[in-house]
Amino acid sequence: MASSEPGPVETSKPEQEAKSPSVECSPKKGLTTLSTSTSSYEPLETHDPTLNRLAVTMFQKVHEYLQAELTSSESEYQLLEQMNKATAAKYSDLTQVAANVGKGIMELNAKFKSLEVYLEQIDQIEDNISKLEHAAYKLDAYTVRLENKFKALTAEKR
């Protein structure tokens, strides 16, 4: 049967095994291999077109999945970068606020030092007023007792 279609070239079995190491280690051919995995690929056998189509579809889906994973990871890293930049800007603002507060505290301490003499004088005046108030209460109590004695003496004479 001579046909115009090219077909597999038939060679003797030892030549096939010598040319293709995968045939030597083929689980389908019954030879032993080091690997326990099996493959549906055999170099000189015809393949199922449905299986080929499904394999291509599987590889496309895996490619799409991996591409989506990488894209999502990249977008997460971009989000983290934006968050880090915003945080750095916020800390920069807070540093400036803290520096301004520190300057304000220094100014207030200087003003307090300049007013400290006057504050001590106010404290002394407050102590003197307290003593004067205490003396006024004693004087008031003494006048009340004198008034009561005077009333008692005037009541006896009548």
Protein backbone atom coordinates (compact mmCIF):
# COMPACT_ATOMS: atom_id res chain seq x y z
CA MET A 1 0.00 0.00 0.00
CA ALA A 2 1.69 3.09 -1.18
CA SER A 3 0.17 6.27 0.02
CA SER A 4 1.10 9.88 -0.60
CA GLU A 5 0.66 10.78 3.06
CA PRO A 6 3.78 10.65 5.12
CA GLY A 7 3.44 8.15 7.87
CA PRO A 8 5.65 7.07 10.64
CA VAL A 9 8.83 5.63 9.32
CA GLU A 10 9.12 2.10 10.41
CA THR A 11 12.41 1.17 11.86
CA SER A 12 13.49 -1.78 13.80
CA LYS A 13 12.76 -1.82 17.50
CA PRO A 14 16.37 -1.55 18.66
CA GLU A 15 16.82 1.60 16.53
CA GLN A 16 13.67 3.21 18.07
CA GLU A 17 14.84 2.46 21.56
CA ALA A 18 18.28 3.82 20.79
CA LYS A 19 16.89 7.05 19.32
CA SER A 20 14.35 7.86 22.03
CA PRO A 21 15.29 7.47 25.70
CA SER A 22 11.67 8.13 26.67
CA VAL A 23 10.67 4.91 24.97
CA GLU A 24 13.21 3.00 27.00
CA CYS A 25 11.73 4.34 30.22
CA SER A 26 8.14 4.13 29.10
CA PRO A 27 5.73 2.61 31.64
CA LYS A 28 3.43 1.57 28.78
CA LYS A 29 6.18 -0.51 27.22
CA GLY A 30 6.65 -2.35 30.46
CA LEU A 31 10.21 -1.31 31.12
CA THR A 32 11.24 -0.19 34.57
CA THR A 33 11.82 3.48 35.35
CA LEU A 34 13.19 5.42 38.26
CA SER A 35 10.11 7.64 38.37
CA THR A 36 6.77 6.41 39.64
CA SER A 37 4.88 9.04 37.64
CA THR A 38 3.30 8.05 34.36
CA SER A 39 2.60 10.12 31.30
CA SER A 40 0.02 9.71 28.61
CA TYR A 41 2.56 10.91 26.08
CA GLU A 42 4.18 8.28 23.99
CA PRO A 43 6.27 9.58 21.08
CA LEU A 44 5.09 7.20 18.38
CA GLU A 45 1.43 6.84 19.28
CA THR A 46 -1.47 8.89 18.02
CA HIS A 47 -3.10 11.16 20.59
CA ASP A 48 -6.68 11.83 21.49
CA PRO A 49 -7.67 15.27 20.08
CA THR A 50 -10.12 15.80 22.95
CA LEU A 51 -7.34 15.21 25.43
CA ASN A 52 -5.12 17.65 23.53
CA ARG A 53 -7.86 20.29 23.52
CA LEU A 54 -8.48 19.80 27.24
CA ALA A 55 -4.75 20.01 27.97
CA VAL A 56 -4.48 23.27 26.01
CA THR A 57 -7.54 24.63 27.83
CA MET A 58 -6.06 23.58 31.18
CA PHE A 59 -2.75 25.32 30.42
CA GLN A 60 -4.60 28.46 29.34
CA LYS A 61 -6.65 28.47 32.55
CA VAL A 62 -3.55 27.90 34.68
CA HIS A 63 -1.85 30.76 32.81
CA GLU A 64 -4.85 33.03 33.44
CA TYR A 65 -4.94 32.03 37.11
CA LEU A 66 -1.23 32.67 37.63
CA GLN A 67 -1.48 35.96 35.76
CA ALA A 68 -4.39 37.04 38.01
CA GLU A 69 -2.45 36.01 41.12
CA LEU A 70 0.54 38.06 40.04
CA THR A 71 -1.66 41.02 39.18
CA SER A 72 -3.43 40.91 42.53
CA SER A 73 -0.10 40.65 44.35
CA GLU A 74 1.21 43.60 42.40
CA SER A 75 -1.87 45.68 43.23
CA GLU A 76 -1.53 44.75 46.91
CA TYR A 77 2.10 45.90 46.87
CA GLN A 78 1.06 49.15 45.19
CA LEU A 79 -1.57 49.68 47.88
CA LEU A 80 1.01 49.01 50.59
CA GLU A 81 3.35 51.48 48.94
CA GLN A 82 0.64 54.15 48.90
CA MET A 83 -0.19 53.43 52.54
CA ASN A 84 3.50 53.71 53.49
CA LYS A 85 3.79 57.04 51.68
CA ALA A 86 0.65 58.37 53.40
CA THR A 87 1.94 57.18 56.78
CA ALA A 88 5.33 58.79 56.18
CA ALA A 89 3.62 62.07 55.27
CA LYS A 90 1.45 61.89 58.39
CA TYR A 91 4.48 61.23 60.61
CA SER A 92 6.27 64.14 58.95
CA ASP A 93 3.31 66.39 59.80
CA LEU A 94 3.24 65.07 63.36
CA THR A 95 6.98 65.72 63.70
CA GLN A 96 6.44 69.31 62.65
CA VAL A 97 3.54 69.68 65.11
CA ALA A 98 5.67 68.21 67.91
CA ALA A 99 8.49 70.63 67.08
CA ASN A 100 6.05 73.56 67.22
CA VAL A 101 4.66 72.33 70.54
CA GLY A 102 8.22 72.04 71.88
CA LYS A 103 8.94 75.64 70.86
CA GLY A 104 5.71 76.76 72.52
CA ILE A 105 6.63 74.98 75.75
CA MET A 106 10.07 76.61 75.72
CA GLU A 107 8.45 80.05 75.30
CA LEU A 108 5.97 79.35 78.10
CA ASN A 109 8.79 78.21 80.41
CA ALA A 110 10.70 81.42 79.69
CA LYS A 111 7.60 83.51 80.45
CA PHE A 112 7.00 81.54 83.64
CA LYS A 113 10.59 82.19 84.75
CA SER A 114 10.15 85.93 84.15
CA LEU A 115 6.85 85.94 86.10
CA GLU A 116 8.10 83.70 88.91
CA VAL A 117 9.18 86.69 91.08
CA TYR A 118 5.70 88.20 90.78
CA LEU A 119 4.07 84.85 91.52
CA GLU A 120 6.14 84.55 94.72
CA GLN A 121 5.00 88.03 95.74
CA ILE A 122 1.39 87.02 95.07
CA ASP A 123 1.89 83.94 97.26
CA GLN A 124 3.27 86.14 100.08
CA ILE A 125 0.34 88.55 99.74
CA GLU A 126 -2.06 85.61 99.86
CA ASP A 127 -0.40 84.35 103.08
CA ASN A 128 -0.64 87.85 104.63
CA ILE A 129 -4.31 88.13 103.63
CA SER A 130 -4.96 84.72 105.16
CA LYS A 131 -3.33 85.84 108.43
CA LEU A 132 -5.25 89.12 108.34
CA GLU A 133 -8.51 87.25 107.76
CA HIS A 134 -7.74 84.96 110.69
CA ALA A 135 -7.05 87.99 112.90
CA ALA A 136 -10.32 89.59 111.73
CA TYR A 137 -12.27 86.44 112.75
CA LYS A 138 -10.60 86.50 116.18
CA LEU A 139 -11.41 90.20 116.55
CA ASP A 140 -15.00 89.56 115.54
CA ALA A 141 -15.32 86.73 118.06
CA TYR A 142 -13.79 88.94 120.78
CA THR A 143 -16.22 91.80 120.00
CA VAL A 144 -19.15 89.38 120.17
CA ARG A 145 -18.00 88.20 123.64
CA LEU A 146 -17.54 91.82 124.79
CA GLU A 147 -20.98 92.71 123.54
CA ASN A 148 -22.50 89.74 125.36
CA LYS A 149 -20.71 90.75 128.62
CA PHE A 150 -21.83 94.34 128.18
CA LYS A 151 -25.43 93.22 127.69
CA ALA A 152 -25.15 90.96 130.72
CA LEU A 153 -23.78 93.81 132.88
CA THR A 154 -26.39 96.26 131.71
CA ALA A 155 -29.11 93.73 132.37
CA GLU A 156 -27.86 93.21 135.97
CA LYS A 157 -27.91 96.92 136.72
CA ARG A 158 -31.47 97.27 135.75
